[in-house]
Amino acid sequence: MRSIINYLKEIFFGVKSLLVGMKVTGSYFFRPSTIVTQKYPNNRKDLVMFDRFKGEVIMPHNEKMNINAPVAVSVK
């Protein structure tokens, strides 16, 4: 009986976790202005770094350049 209760608890918490994640995703879907990801190669001219930013923006380069590759940020 205890194993059945534990099984149902795991299902409940799994569904709860899924719904919380979908809530976050849905909020970004319906309010895209809150997304803080920068599309670096496309917005070089209007990219604003914060005064307190201590890192360095690094664009990884290789022979097969992928425009949608994520930008790595190294902190000095």
PDB file of N, CA and C in Angstrom:
ATOM      1  N   MET A   1       0.819  -1.193   0.000  1.00  0.00           N
ATOM      2  CA  MET A   1       0.000   0.000   0.000  1.00  0.00           C
ATOM      3  C   MET A   1       0.870   1.268   0.000  1.00  0.00           C
ATOM      4  N   ARG A   2       1.981   1.221   0.771  1.00  0.00           N
ATOM      5  CA  ARG A   2       2.863   2.384   0.849  1.00  0.00           C
ATOM      6  C   ARG A   2       3.503   2.675  -0.511  1.00  0.00           C
ATOM      7  N   SER A   3       3.832   1.637  -1.271  1.00  0.00           N
ATOM      8  CA  SER A   3       4.451   1.851  -2.581  1.00  0.00           C
ATOM      9  C   SER A   3       3.469   2.501  -3.554  1.00  0.00           C
ATOM     10  N   ILE A   4       2.201   2.177  -3.438  1.00  0.00           N
ATOM     11  CA  ILE A   4       1.184   2.799  -4.303  1.00  0.00           C
ATOM     12  C   ILE A   4       1.060   4.282  -3.972  1.00  0.00           C
ATOM     13  N   ILE A   5       1.087   4.618  -2.686  1.00  0.00           N
ATOM     14  CA  ILE A   5       0.994   6.019  -2.274  1.00  0.00           C
ATOM     15  C   ILE A   5       2.220   6.793  -2.757  1.00  0.00           C
ATOM     16  N   ASN A   6       3.402   6.197  -2.631  1.00  0.00           N
ATOM     17  CA  ASN A   6       4.621   6.853  -3.124  1.00  0.00           C
ATOM     18  C   ASN A   6       4.575   7.039  -4.637  1.00  0.00           C
ATOM     19  N   TYR A   7       4.053   6.050  -5.342  1.00  0.00           N
ATOM     20  CA  TYR A   7       3.919   6.138  -6.793  1.00  0.00           C
ATOM     21  C   TYR A   7       2.989   7.289  -7.170  1.00  0.00           C
ATOM     22  N   LEU A   8       1.864   7.414  -6.498  1.00  0.00           N
ATOM     23  CA  LEU A   8       0.922   8.492  -6.790  1.00  0.00           C
ATOM     24  C   LEU A   8       1.503   9.859  -6.425  1.00  0.00           C
ATOM     25  N   LYS A   9       2.292   9.924  -5.340  1.00  0.00           N
ATOM     26  CA  LYS A   9       2.954  11.178  -4.972  1.00  0.00           C
ATOM     27  C   LYS A   9       3.933  11.604  -6.056  1.00  0.00           C
ATOM     28  N   GLU A  10       4.708  10.646  -6.573  1.00  0.00           N
ATOM     29  CA  GLU A  10       5.664  10.972  -7.628  1.00  0.00           C
ATOM     30  C   GLU A  10       4.956  11.469  -8.876  1.00  0.00           C
ATOM     31  N   ILE A  11       3.841  10.846  -9.221  1.00  0.00           N
ATOM     32  CA  ILE A  11       3.070  11.304 -10.384  1.00  0.00           C
ATOM     33  C   ILE A  11       2.551  12.720 -10.133  1.00  0.00           C
ATOM     34  N   PHE A  12       2.027  12.973  -8.939  1.00  0.00           N
ATOM     35  CA  PHE A  12       1.491  14.290  -8.612  1.00  0.00           C
ATOM     36  C   PHE A  12       2.580  15.358  -8.705  1.00  0.00           C
ATOM     37  N   PHE A  13       3.750  15.101  -8.083  1.00  0.00           N
ATOM     38  CA  PHE A  13       4.817  16.095  -8.110  1.00  0.00           C
ATOM     39  C   PHE A  13       5.408  16.246  -9.512  1.00  0.00           C
ATOM     40  N   GLY A  14       5.403  15.183 -10.308  1.00  0.00           N
ATOM     41  CA  GLY A  14       5.862  15.290 -11.691  1.00  0.00           C
ATOM     42  C   GLY A  14       4.947  16.169 -12.521  1.00  0.00           C
ATOM     43  N   VAL A  15       3.637  15.994 -12.363  1.00  0.00           N
ATOM     44  CA  VAL A  15       2.671  16.816 -13.088  1.00  0.00           C
ATOM     45  C   VAL A  15       2.754  18.262 -12.606  1.00  0.00           C
ATOM     46  N   LYS A  16       2.926  18.454 -11.305  1.00  0.00           N
ATOM     47  CA  LYS A  16       3.060  19.804 -10.750  1.00  0.00           C
ATOM     48  C   LYS A  16       4.290  20.496 -11.329  1.00  0.00           C
ATOM     49  N   SER A  17       5.409  19.778 -11.396  1.00  0.00           N
ATOM     50  CA  SER A  17       6.636  20.335 -11.958  1.00  0.00           C
ATOM     51  C   SER A  17       6.451  20.688 -13.429  1.00  0.00           C
ATOM     52  N   LEU A  18       5.774  19.831 -14.164  1.00  0.00           N
ATOM     53  CA  LEU A  18       5.504  20.095 -15.578  1.00  0.00           C
ATOM     54  C   LEU A  18       4.667  21.358 -15.741  1.00  0.00           C
ATOM     55  N   LEU A  19       3.645  21.514 -14.924  1.00  0.00           N
ATOM     56  CA  LEU A  19       2.778  22.687 -15.027  1.00  0.00           C
ATOM     57  C   LEU A  19       3.513  23.975 -14.654  1.00  0.00           C
ATOM     58  N   VAL A  20       4.399  23.912 -13.663  1.00  0.00           N
ATOM     59  CA  VAL A  20       5.186  25.095 -13.313  1.00  0.00           C
ATOM     60  C   VAL A  20       6.089  25.490 -14.481  1.00  0.00           C
ATOM     61  N   GLY A  21       6.737  24.512 -15.100  1.00  0.00           N
ATOM     62  CA  GLY A  21       7.581  24.793 -16.257  1.00  0.00           C
ATOM     63  C   GLY A  21       6.802  25.337 -17.431  1.00  0.00           C
ATOM     64  N   MET A  22       5.612  24.796 -17.661  1.00  0.00           N
ATOM     65  CA  MET A  22       4.776  25.291 -18.748  1.00  0.00           C
ATOM     66  C   MET A  22       4.270  26.706 -18.459  1.00  0.00           C
ATOM     67  N   LYS A  23       4.095  27.040 -17.185  1.00  0.00           N
ATOM     68  CA  LYS A  23       3.682  28.398 -16.811  1.00  0.00           C
ATOM     69  C   LYS A  23       4.779  29.392 -17.186  1.00  0.00           C
ATOM     70  N   VAL A  24       6.026  29.033 -16.892  1.00  0.00           N
ATOM     71  CA  VAL A  24       7.152  29.912 -17.239  1.00  0.00           C
ATOM     72  C   VAL A  24       7.255  30.047 -18.755  1.00  0.00           C
ATOM     73  N   THR A  25       7.176  28.938 -19.466  1.00  0.00           N
ATOM     74  CA  THR A  25       7.261  28.967 -20.922  1.00  0.00           C
ATOM     75  C   THR A  25       6.112  29.771 -21.517  1.00  0.00           C
ATOM     76  N   GLY A  26       4.913  29.579 -20.978  1.00  0.00           N
ATOM     77  CA  GLY A  26       3.745  30.320 -21.470  1.00  0.00           C
ATOM     78  C   GLY A  26       3.878  31.808 -21.229  1.00  0.00           C
ATOM     79  N   SER A  27       4.459  32.195 -20.096  1.00  0.00           N
ATOM     80  CA  SER A  27       4.629  33.625 -19.834  1.00  0.00           C
ATOM     81  C   SER A  27       5.598  34.243 -20.835  1.00  0.00           C
ATOM     82  N   TYR A  28       6.655  33.521 -21.209  1.00  0.00           N
ATOM     83  CA  TYR A  28       7.566  34.034 -22.227  1.00  0.00           C
ATOM     84  C   TYR A  28       6.905  34.041 -23.604  1.00  0.00           C
ATOM     85  N   PHE A  29       5.999  33.106 -23.855  1.00  0.00           N
ATOM     86  CA  PHE A  29       5.326  33.041 -25.144  1.00  0.00           C
ATOM     87  C   PHE A  29       4.365  34.210 -25.316  1.00  0.00           C
ATOM     88  N   PHE A  30       3.623  34.543 -24.271  1.00  0.00           N
ATOM     89  CA  PHE A  30       2.627  35.597 -24.374  1.00  0.00           C
ATOM     90  C   PHE A  30       3.188  36.990 -24.072  1.00  0.00           C
ATOM     91  N   ARG A  31       4.356  37.067 -23.432  1.00  0.00           N
ATOM     92  CA  ARG A  31       5.009  38.349 -23.164  1.00  0.00           C
ATOM     93  C   ARG A  31       6.464  38.266 -23.613  1.00  0.00           C
ATOM     94  N   PRO A  32       6.737  38.303 -24.922  1.00  0.00           N
ATOM     95  CA  PRO A  32       8.118  38.129 -25.386  1.00  0.00           C
ATOM     96  C   PRO A  32       9.034  39.296 -25.015  1.00  0.00           C
ATOM     97  N   SER A  33       8.480  40.399 -24.563  1.00  0.00           N
ATOM     98  CA  SER A  33       9.341  41.525 -24.188  1.00  0.00           C
ATOM     99  C   SER A  33      10.119  41.244 -22.910  1.00  0.00           C
ATOM    100  N   THR A  34       9.726  40.225 -22.142  1.00  0.00           N
ATOM    101  CA  THR A  34      10.428  39.913 -20.897  1.00  0.00           C
ATOM    102  C   THR A  34      11.636  39.004 -21.109  1.00  0.00           C
ATOM    103  N   ILE A  35      11.837  38.505 -22.307  1.00  0.00           N
ATOM    104  CA  ILE A  35      12.967  37.625 -22.582  1.00  0.00           C
ATOM    105  C   ILE A  35      14.241  38.461 -22.620  1.00  0.00           C
ATOM    106  N   VAL A  36      15.281  38.015 -21.945  1.00  0.00           N
ATOM    107  CA  VAL A  36      16.511  38.796 -21.853  1.00  0.00           C
ATOM    108  C   VAL A  36      17.617  38.262 -22.759  1.00  0.00           C
ATOM    109  N   THR A  37      17.356  37.228 -23.547  1.00  0.00           N
ATOM    110  CA  THR A  37      18.364  36.675 -24.437  1.00  0.00           C
ATOM    111  C   THR A  37      18.658  37.661 -25.563  1.00  0.00           C
ATOM    112  N   GLN A  38      19.934  37.859 -25.856  1.00  0.00           N
ATOM    113  CA  GLN A  38      20.348  38.763 -26.923  1.00  0.00           C
ATOM    114  C   GLN A  38      20.730  37.950 -28.158  1.00  0.00           C
ATOM    115  N   LYS A  39      20.330  38.396 -29.322  1.00  0.00           N
ATOM    116  CA  LYS A  39      20.738  37.765 -30.580  1.00  0.00           C
ATOM    117  C   LYS A  39      21.953  38.537 -31.084  1.00  0.00           C
ATOM    118  N   TYR A  40      23.134  38.123 -30.617  1.00  0.00           N
ATOM    119  CA  TYR A  40      24.354  38.912 -30.767  1.00  0.00           C
ATOM    120  C   TYR A  40      24.730  39.298 -32.193  1.00  0.00           C
ATOM    121  N   PRO A  41      24.854  38.399 -33.134  1.00  0.00           N
ATOM    122  CA  PRO A  41      25.333  38.875 -34.439  1.00  0.00           C
ATOM    123  C   PRO A  41      24.373  39.858 -35.097  1.00  0.00           C
ATOM    124  N   ASN A  42      23.088  39.742 -34.799  1.00  0.00           N
ATOM    125  CA  ASN A  42      22.105  40.587 -35.471  1.00  0.00           C
ATOM    126  C   ASN A  42      21.949  41.960 -34.825  1.00  0.00           C
ATOM    127  N   ASN A  43      22.376  42.140 -33.603  1.00  0.00           N
ATOM    128  CA  ASN A  43      22.160  43.423 -32.938  1.00  0.00           C
ATOM    129  C   ASN A  43      23.458  44.037 -32.410  1.00  0.00           C
ATOM    130  N   ARG A  44      24.530  43.919 -33.147  1.00  0.00           N
ATOM    131  CA  ARG A  44      25.808  44.463 -32.695  1.00  0.00           C
ATOM    132  C   ARG A  44      25.749  45.975 -32.512  1.00  0.00           C
ATOM    133  N   LYS A  45      25.016  46.655 -33.388  1.00  0.00           N
ATOM    134  CA  LYS A  45      25.019  48.120 -33.356  1.00  0.00           C
ATOM    135  C   LYS A  45      24.247  48.670 -32.164  1.00  0.00           C
ATOM    136  N   ASP A  46      23.183  47.993 -31.751  1.00  0.00           N
ATOM    137  CA  ASP A  46      22.373  48.525 -30.657  1.00  0.00           C
ATOM    138  C   ASP A  46      22.510  47.706 -29.371  1.00  0.00           C
ATOM    139  N   LEU A  47      23.553  46.868 -29.278  1.00  0.00           N
ATOM    140  CA  LEU A  47      23.778  46.084 -28.071  1.00  0.00           C
ATOM    141  C   LEU A  47      24.329  46.990 -26.968  1.00  0.00           C
ATOM    142  N   VAL A  48      23.689  46.993 -25.839  1.00  0.00           N
ATOM    143  CA  VAL A  48      24.101  47.836 -24.717  1.00  0.00           C
ATOM    144  C   VAL A  48      24.575  46.934 -23.583  1.00  0.00           C
ATOM    145  N   MET A  49      25.815  47.110 -23.189  1.00  0.00           N
ATOM    146  CA  MET A  49      26.339  46.365 -22.050  1.00  0.00           C
ATOM    147  C   MET A  49      26.152  47.225 -20.805  1.00  0.00           C
ATOM    148  N   PHE A  50      25.879  46.597 -19.707  1.00  0.00           N
ATOM    149  CA  PHE A  50      25.690  47.305 -18.457  1.00  0.00           C
ATOM    150  C   PHE A  50      27.037  47.800 -17.934  1.00  0.00           C
ATOM    151  N   ASP A  51      27.019  48.907 -17.199  1.00  0.00           N
ATOM    152  CA  ASP A  51      28.256  49.478 -16.670  1.00  0.00           C
ATOM    153  C   ASP A  51      28.968  48.516 -15.727  1.00  0.00           C
ATOM    154  N   ARG A  52      28.214  47.730 -14.988  1.00  0.00           N
ATOM    155  CA  ARG A  52      28.813  46.818 -14.013  1.00  0.00           C
ATOM    156  C   ARG A  52      29.173  45.457 -14.615  1.00  0.00           C
ATOM    157  N   PHE A  53      28.996  45.276 -15.914  1.00  0.00           N
ATOM    158  CA  PHE A  53      29.297  44.010 -16.576  1.00  0.00           C
ATOM    159  C   PHE A  53      30.804  43.796 -16.588  1.00  0.00           C
ATOM    160  N   LYS A  54      31.276  42.687 -16.026  1.00  0.00           N
ATOM    161  CA  LYS A  54      32.708  42.432 -15.901  1.00  0.00           C
ATOM    162  C   LYS A  54      33.210  41.380 -16.886  1.00  0.00           C
ATOM    163  N   GLY A  55      32.327  40.876 -17.727  1.00  0.00           N
ATOM    164  CA  GLY A  55      32.713  39.791 -18.617  1.00  0.00           C
ATOM    165  C   GLY A  55      33.148  40.280 -19.987  1.00  0.00           C
ATOM    166  N   GLU A  56      33.375  39.343 -20.857  1.00  0.00           N
ATOM    167  CA  GLU A  56      33.792  39.606 -22.224  1.00  0.00           C
ATOM    168  C   GLU A  56      32.922  38.758 -23.139  1.00  0.00           C
ATOM    169  N   VAL A  57      32.315  39.377 -24.145  1.00  0.00           N
ATOM    170  CA  VAL A  57      31.471  38.634 -25.074  1.00  0.00           C
ATOM    171  C   VAL A  57      32.373  37.933 -26.081  1.00  0.00           C
ATOM    172  N   ILE A  58      32.222  36.618 -26.181  1.00  0.00           N
ATOM    173  CA  ILE A  58      33.054  35.821 -27.081  1.00  0.00           C
ATOM    174  C   ILE A  58      32.150  35.069 -28.034  1.00  0.00           C
ATOM    175  N   MET A  59      32.361  35.224 -29.325  1.00  0.00           N
ATOM    176  CA  MET A  59      31.605  34.504 -30.327  1.00  0.00           C
ATOM    177  C   MET A  59      32.462  33.337 -30.799  1.00  0.00           C
ATOM    178  N   PRO A  60      32.044  32.096 -30.518  1.00  0.00           N
ATOM    179  CA  PRO A  60      32.863  30.948 -30.948  1.00  0.00           C
ATOM    180  C   PRO A  60      32.866  30.824 -32.473  1.00  0.00           C
ATOM    181  N   HIS A  61      34.046  30.680 -33.045  1.00  0.00           N
ATOM    182  CA  HIS A  61      34.167  30.560 -34.496  1.00  0.00           C
ATOM    183  C   HIS A  61      34.758  29.192 -34.841  1.00  0.00           C
ATOM    184  N   ASN A  62      34.258  28.627 -35.885  1.00  0.00           N
ATOM    185  CA  ASN A  62      34.831  27.418 -36.448  1.00  0.00           C
ATOM    186  C   ASN A  62      34.585  27.435 -37.946  1.00  0.00           C
ATOM    187  N   GLU A  63      34.961  26.396 -38.642  1.00  0.00           N
ATOM    188  CA  GLU A  63      34.818  26.397 -40.092  1.00  0.00           C
ATOM    189  C   GLU A  63      33.354  26.450 -40.525  1.00  0.00           C
ATOM    190  N   LYS A  64      32.500  25.751 -39.820  1.00  0.00           N
ATOM    191  CA  LYS A  64      31.077  25.768 -40.145  1.00  0.00           C
ATOM    192  C   LYS A  64      30.408  26.777 -39.223  1.00  0.00           C
ATOM    193  N   MET A  65      30.280  28.009 -39.669  1.00  0.00           N
ATOM    194  CA  MET A  65      29.723  29.072 -38.829  1.00  0.00           C
ATOM    195  C   MET A  65      28.217  28.903 -38.719  1.00  0.00           C
ATOM    196  N   ASN A  66      27.743  28.805 -37.507  1.00  0.00           N
ATOM    197  CA  ASN A  66      26.315  28.684 -37.249  1.00  0.00           C
ATOM    198  C   ASN A  66      25.836  30.011 -36.691  1.00  0.00           C
ATOM    199  N   ILE A  67      24.990  30.707 -37.424  1.00  0.00           N
ATOM    200  CA  ILE A  67      24.502  32.026 -37.009  1.00  0.00           C
ATOM    201  C   ILE A  67      23.710  31.931 -35.715  1.00  0.00           C
ATOM    202  N   ASN A  68      23.056  30.820 -35.445  1.00  0.00           N
ATOM    203  CA  ASN A  68      22.225  30.683 -34.262  1.00  0.00           C
ATOM    204  C   ASN A  68      22.982  30.105 -33.072  1.00  0.00           C
ATOM    205  N   ALA A  69      24.309  30.068 -33.151  1.00  0.00           N
ATOM    206  CA  ALA A  69      25.101  29.511 -32.049  1.00  0.00           C
ATOM    207  C   ALA A  69      25.013  30.437 -30.848  1.00  0.00           C
ATOM    208  N   PRO A  70      24.984  29.874 -29.648  1.00  0.00           N
ATOM    209  CA  PRO A  70      24.926  30.721 -28.453  1.00  0.00           C
ATOM    210  C   PRO A  70      26.248  31.466 -28.244  1.00  0.00           C
ATOM    211  N   VAL A  71      26.157  32.603 -27.623  1.00  0.00           N
ATOM    212  CA  VAL A  71      27.334  33.419 -27.356  1.00  0.00           C
ATOM    213  C   VAL A  71      27.823  33.092 -25.958  1.00  0.00           C
ATOM    214  N   ALA A  72      29.114  32.798 -25.846  1.00  0.00           N
ATOM    215  CA  ALA A  72      29.697  32.485 -24.543  1.00  0.00           C
ATOM    216  C   ALA A  72      30.140  33.783 -23.882  1.00  0.00           C
ATOM    217  N   VAL A  73      29.973  33.856 -22.580  1.00  0.00           N
ATOM    218  CA  VAL A  73      30.399  35.023 -21.827  1.00  0.00           C
ATOM    219  C   VAL A  73      31.399  34.555 -20.783  1.00  0.00           C
ATOM    220  N   SER A  74      32.603  35.119 -20.852  1.00  0.00           N
ATOM    221  CA  SER A  74      33.607  34.756 -19.846  1.00  0.00           C
ATOM    222  C   SER A  74      33.733  35.895 -18.860  1.00  0.00           C
ATOM    223  N   VAL A  75      33.857  35.544 -17.613  1.00  0.00           N
ATOM    224  CA  VAL A  75      33.988  36.553 -16.563  1.00  0.00           C
ATOM    225  C   VAL A  75      35.438  36.631 -16.145  1.00  0.00           C
ATOM    226  N   LYS A  76      35.969  37.825 -16.152  1.00  0.00           N
ATOM    227  CA  LYS A  76      37.384  38.023 -15.813  1.00  0.00           C
ATOM    228  C   LYS A  76      37.596  37.950 -14.336  1.00  0.00           C
TER     229      LYS A  76
END
